[in-house]
Amino acid sequence: MDILEYYKKLVEFLGKVMGDDTEVVLRDCRKPNHDIIAIANGHVSGRTIGAPITDFTLSILANEEWKERDYVVNYEGKAGTNKRLRSSTYFIREEGQLVGQLCINVDMTPYEQMIDSIRALGGMDRIRGRKDLELVCEGPVENFNEDVMGDMMSRAVIQVVGSSEELVRQRLTQEDRIQIISELNRAGLFQLKGAVGAVAEYLYCSEASVYRYQSKLQKKV
């Protein structure tokens, strides 16, 4: 039996045990976009079976962190515009290869609302200059976005030139594009099928130019 079949049963079990505010996800890392193959309480992030890879998973693949660690816990996830999640991922290996990821995402909204209520009850919300209490997560931030490529490209352009507006992208210099592609390489974007074409279109250059810029970056290493 496929190893991930066992984990499918675990997804359903954990979803029922941990309650409606906890999403449990099983991702098949052997599929081209590392699709979700089982999910419990998908309303937490709004995803369903077949949802694509996230930026966090791409970075894990790019830096091969899964080879050194069995899991990553308590990092921040973002779903929609305002929903914050406390996320953790367990790496499923078979014969030294990453075959899947078991992910648990806890909706922090009820706890943040509880903190706000306690703050208001104690009059803390009326104390000027006091910093908000934070529910602190560790490590990277994972974005649950259906358009993972578009989101990653936009953030890379903003990081390099400060804006991802279309007019700005049309006027990028060659050096700007090289720096942006360097950021996307580091993030693991080019592991996705069709990434070169998508990047070329987004940065207003040819696919040949993207390959050329990648070659220049490799020579610098």
Protein backbone atom coordinates (compact mmCIF):
# COMPACT_ATOMS: atom_id res chain seq x y z
CA MET A 1 0.00 0.00 0.00
CA ASP A 2 1.15 3.52 -0.77
CA ILE A 3 2.60 5.14 2.39
CA LEU A 4 0.34 8.18 2.01
CA GLU A 5 -2.79 6.03 2.22
CA TYR A 6 -2.04 5.52 5.91
CA TYR A 7 -1.73 9.27 6.42
CA LYS A 8 -5.09 9.92 4.73
CA LYS A 9 -6.78 8.12 7.62
CA LEU A 10 -4.73 10.16 10.07
CA VAL A 11 -5.93 13.41 8.46
CA GLU A 12 -9.57 12.57 9.10
CA PHE A 13 -8.80 11.40 12.66
CA LEU A 14 -6.81 14.51 13.62
CA GLY A 15 -9.41 16.81 12.08
CA LYS A 16 -12.12 15.35 14.31
CA VAL A 17 -9.93 15.25 17.43
CA MET A 18 -8.57 18.80 17.14
CA GLY A 19 -11.85 20.50 16.19
CA ASP A 20 -13.23 22.92 13.63
CA ASP A 21 -10.54 25.59 14.13
CA THR A 22 -7.73 23.23 13.10
CA GLU A 23 -7.07 22.33 9.47
CA VAL A 24 -5.17 19.12 8.72
CA VAL A 25 -3.63 18.75 5.26
CA LEU A 26 -1.83 15.93 3.46
CA ARG A 27 0.25 16.97 0.47
CA ASP A 28 1.70 14.54 -2.11
CA CYS A 29 5.19 15.84 -2.91
CA ARG A 30 5.54 13.43 -5.83
CA LYS A 31 2.89 15.32 -7.83
CA PRO A 32 4.04 18.19 -10.11
CA ASN A 33 2.53 20.92 -7.93
CA HIS A 34 2.57 18.91 -4.69
CA ASP A 35 -1.22 18.84 -4.64
CA ILE A 36 -3.32 18.36 -1.53
CA ILE A 37 -4.68 14.79 -1.54
CA ALA A 38 -6.54 14.86 1.79
CA ILE A 39 -7.84 17.70 3.96
CA ALA A 40 -9.94 18.10 7.10
CA ASN A 41 -11.59 21.40 8.09
CA GLY A 42 -10.57 23.05 4.83
CA HIS A 43 -12.76 26.05 5.68
CA VAL A 44 -9.86 27.31 7.83
CA SER A 45 -7.77 28.26 4.77
CA GLY A 46 -10.48 27.91 2.14
CA ARG A 47 -8.61 25.14 0.31
CA THR A 48 -9.83 21.80 -1.06
CA ILE A 49 -8.31 18.62 -2.47
CA GLY A 50 -6.15 19.48 -5.48
CA ALA A 51 -5.05 22.88 -4.13
CA PRO A 52 -1.51 23.69 -5.29
CA ILE A 53 1.79 24.12 -3.52
CA THR A 54 2.49 27.07 -1.18
CA ASP A 55 5.48 29.40 -1.08
CA PHE A 56 6.65 27.74 2.15
CA THR A 57 6.69 24.28 0.54
CA LEU A 58 8.64 25.64 -2.42
CA SER A 59 11.26 27.13 -0.09
CA ILE A 60 11.51 23.80 1.79
CA LEU A 61 12.22 22.03 -1.50
CA ALA A 62 14.68 24.67 -2.64
CA ASN A 63 16.82 24.60 0.52
CA GLU A 64 16.27 20.87 1.16
CA GLU A 65 15.47 21.57 4.79
CA TRP A 66 13.50 18.32 4.93
CA LYS A 67 16.77 16.38 4.71
CA GLU A 68 17.98 17.80 8.02
CA ARG A 69 14.75 18.06 10.02
CA ASP A 70 11.77 15.81 10.65
CA TYR A 71 9.35 18.72 11.05
CA VAL A 72 8.96 22.49 11.34
CA VAL A 73 6.57 23.79 14.00
CA ASN A 74 4.85 27.03 15.02
CA TYR A 75 5.44 29.27 12.03
CA GLU A 76 2.88 31.79 10.82
CA GLY A 77 0.41 31.08 8.05
CA LYS A 78 -1.82 33.60 6.32
CA ALA A 79 -5.22 32.77 4.80
CA GLY A 80 -7.26 35.41 3.03
CA THR A 81 -6.60 38.99 4.05
CA ASN A 82 -6.72 38.93 7.83
CA LYS A 83 -6.73 35.35 9.09
CA ARG A 84 -3.58 34.30 10.91
CA LEU A 85 -2.73 30.64 11.42
CA ARG A 86 -0.24 28.82 13.61
CA SER A 87 1.21 26.25 11.24
CA SER A 88 3.36 23.14 11.54
CA THR A 89 4.60 20.63 8.95
CA TYR A 90 5.81 17.04 9.30
CA PHE A 91 7.97 15.66 6.48
CA ILE A 92 7.06 12.19 5.21
CA ARG A 93 10.03 10.34 3.72
CA GLU A 94 10.40 7.04 1.94
CA GLU A 95 13.79 5.62 0.97
CA GLY A 96 15.45 8.97 1.53
CA GLN A 97 13.03 10.93 -0.64
CA LEU A 98 10.38 13.46 0.39
CA VAL A 99 7.04 11.93 -0.60
CA GLY A 100 4.59 13.98 1.42
CA GLN A 101 3.87 16.61 4.04
CA LEU A 102 1.38 16.43 6.90
CA CYS A 103 0.44 20.00 7.82
CA ILE A 104 -1.58 21.33 10.76
CA ASN A 105 -2.91 24.90 10.66
CA VAL A 106 -4.64 26.35 13.71
CA ASP A 107 -6.90 29.37 13.21
CA MET A 108 -5.71 31.96 15.73
CA THR A 109 -8.78 34.21 15.35
CA PRO A 110 -10.65 32.89 18.45
CA TYR A 111 -7.54 33.33 20.61
CA GLU A 112 -6.86 36.83 19.30
CA GLN A 113 -10.47 37.76 20.04
CA MET A 114 -10.06 36.35 23.53
CA ILE A 115 -6.95 38.47 24.08
CA ASP A 116 -8.83 41.56 22.87
CA SER A 117 -11.67 40.81 25.29
CA ILE A 118 -9.28 40.37 28.22
CA ARG A 119 -7.46 43.56 27.28
CA ALA A 120 -10.74 45.50 27.14
CA LEU A 121 -11.96 43.99 30.42
CA GLY A 122 -8.78 45.09 32.16
CA GLY A 123 -8.80 48.54 30.61
CA MET A 124 -5.55 47.79 28.78
CA ASP A 125 -7.01 49.04 25.51
CA ARG A 126 -7.20 52.53 27.03
CA ILE A 127 -3.53 52.72 28.03
CA ARG A 128 -1.77 54.93 25.52
CA GLY A 129 1.51 53.78 24.08
CA ARG A 130 1.02 50.16 25.10
CA LYS A 131 2.01 47.67 22.42
CA ASP A 132 -0.55 45.10 21.34
CA LEU A 133 -0.17 41.64 22.77
CA GLU A 134 0.95 39.25 20.08
CA LEU A 135 0.49 35.54 19.54
CA VAL A 136 4.06 34.84 18.53
CA CYS A 137 4.96 32.22 15.94
CA GLU A 138 8.44 31.21 14.92
CA GLY A 139 10.21 31.00 11.57
CA PRO A 140 8.87 31.81 8.08
CA VAL A 141 5.41 32.92 6.99
CA GLU A 142 3.38 30.60 4.74
CA ASN A 143 0.83 32.17 2.41
CA PHE A 144 -2.19 30.09 1.42
CA ASN A 145 -2.78 31.61 -1.99
CA GLU A 146 -4.25 29.88 -5.05
CA ASP A 147 -2.00 31.99 -7.32
CA VAL A 148 1.28 31.10 -5.63
CA MET A 149 3.41 32.11 -8.63
CA GLY A 150 1.77 35.50 -8.98
CA ASP A 151 2.09 36.17 -5.28
CA MET A 152 5.76 35.16 -5.17
CA MET A 153 6.65 37.19 -8.26
CA SER A 154 4.91 40.27 -6.89
CA ARG A 155 6.74 40.03 -3.56
CA ALA A 156 10.10 39.52 -5.30
CA VAL A 157 9.60 42.62 -7.47
CA ILE A 158 8.52 44.69 -4.46
CA GLN A 159 11.60 43.53 -2.55
CA VAL A 160 13.94 44.63 -5.35
CA VAL A 161 12.33 47.83 -6.68
CA GLY A 162 9.65 48.70 -4.11
CA SER A 163 6.54 48.21 -6.28
CA SER A 164 5.04 45.55 -8.52
CA GLU A 165 2.77 47.87 -10.50
CA GLU A 166 2.61 47.05 -14.23
CA LEU A 167 4.25 50.32 -15.28
CA VAL A 168 7.16 49.63 -12.92
CA ARG A 169 7.61 46.10 -14.28
CA GLN A 170 7.66 47.40 -17.85
CA ARG A 171 10.59 49.69 -17.00
CA LEU A 172 12.79 47.23 -15.10
CA THR A 173 16.47 47.28 -15.97
CA GLN A 174 18.40 44.12 -16.78
CA GLU A 175 20.06 44.27 -13.36
CA ASP A 176 16.63 44.60 -11.71
CA ARG A 177 15.41 41.49 -13.52
CA ILE A 178 18.53 39.53 -12.56
CA GLN A 179 18.04 40.43 -8.89
CA ILE A 180 14.35 39.50 -9.05
CA ILE A 181 15.13 36.15 -10.68
CA SER A 182 17.77 35.56 -7.99
CA GLU A 183 15.07 36.05 -5.32
CA LEU A 184 12.71 33.70 -7.15
CA ASN A 185 15.46 31.09 -7.47
CA ARG A 186 16.08 31.29 -3.73
CA ALA A 187 12.36 30.90 -3.06
CA GLY A 188 12.17 27.80 -5.28
CA LEU A 189 9.68 29.19 -7.81
CA PHE A 190 11.40 27.63 -10.82
CA GLN A 191 10.57 24.15 -9.54
CA LEU A 192 7.02 24.75 -10.74
CA LYS A 193 5.95 23.72 -14.22
CA GLY A 194 5.58 26.73 -16.52
CA ALA A 195 7.47 29.04 -14.16
CA VAL A 196 9.91 30.36 -16.80
CA GLY A 197 7.10 31.43 -19.11
CA ALA A 198 5.14 33.01 -16.27
CA VAL A 199 8.19 34.96 -15.05
CA ALA A 200 9.03 36.13 -18.57
CA GLU A 201 5.50 37.45 -19.07
CA TYR A 202 5.43 39.10 -15.63
CA LEU A 203 8.81 40.81 -16.07
CA TYR A 204 8.14 41.84 -19.68
CA CYS A 205 11.04 39.92 -21.20
CA SER A 206 11.53 36.76 -23.26
CA GLU A 207 11.91 33.23 -21.91
CA ALA A 208 15.39 33.20 -23.49
CA SER A 209 16.24 36.23 -21.34
CA VAL A 210 15.09 34.44 -18.19
CA TYR A 211 17.34 31.47 -19.02
CA ARG A 212 20.21 33.84 -19.75
CA TYR A 213 19.78 35.63 -16.43
CA GLN A 214 19.68 32.28 -14.62
CA SER A 215 22.91 31.29 -16.35
CA LYS A 216 24.58 34.51 -15.20
CA LEU A 217 23.49 33.84 -11.63
CA GLN A 218 24.90 30.30 -11.75
CA LYS A 219 28.26 31.63 -12.94
CA LYS A 220 28.41 33.97 -9.94
CA VAL A 221 27.98 31.08 -7.50
